Every structure is written in C-alpha cells, then in structure tokens.
Amino acid sequence: MHLDIAIKQLLQSGYVSISAAIIFIRKSQLIL
C-alpha cells in the first residue's frame, strides 16, 4: 500500500515537472 502511494506521488511530480518544462520551452520559442 505505502509503495503504491509513493509511486503515485513520484509519477505526479514527474508529470508536473515535464509539463512545466514543456511550457518553459514553448515560452522560450515564442521569445525567439
């Protein structure tokens, strides 16, 4: 049970970081 919760939290944080990176890349492309 605890491992499943930890894995879900890691996946959620990973998705957040990936989405943030995509937004940052899009903004940098707009500036260029």
Protein backbone atom coordinates (compact mmCIF):
# COMPACT_ATOMS: atom_id res chain seq x y z
CA MET A 1 0.00 0.00 0.00
CA HIS A 2 2.67 2.51 1.02
CA LEU A 3 4.80 1.71 -2.03
CA ASP A 4 1.86 2.31 -4.36
CA ILE A 5 1.20 5.72 -2.79
CA ALA A 6 4.89 6.67 -3.07
CA ILE A 7 4.99 5.61 -6.73
CA LYS A 8 1.84 7.62 -7.50
CA GLN A 9 3.36 10.70 -5.85
CA LEU A 10 6.57 10.27 -7.88
CA LEU A 11 4.59 9.91 -11.12
CA GLN A 12 2.52 13.02 -10.33
CA SER A 13 5.64 15.08 -9.56
CA GLY A 14 7.22 13.79 -12.77
CA TYR A 15 4.21 14.82 -14.85
CA VAL A 16 4.24 18.28 -13.22
CA SER A 17 7.95 18.76 -13.96
CA ILE A 18 7.51 17.58 -17.56
CA SER A 19 4.52 19.87 -18.16
CA ALA A 20 6.43 22.79 -16.63
CA ALA A 21 9.40 22.06 -18.90
CA ILE A 22 7.13 21.96 -21.97
CA ILE A 23 5.54 25.30 -21.02
CA PHE A 24 9.01 26.82 -20.47
CA ILE A 25 10.20 25.55 -23.88
CA ARG A 26 7.10 26.95 -25.60
CA LYS A 27 7.64 30.34 -23.97
CA SER A 28 11.32 30.38 -24.98
CA GLN A 29 10.35 29.50 -28.57
CA LEU A 30 7.83 32.36 -28.61
CA ILE A 31 10.56 34.77 -27.46
CA LEU A 32 12.90 33.52 -30.19
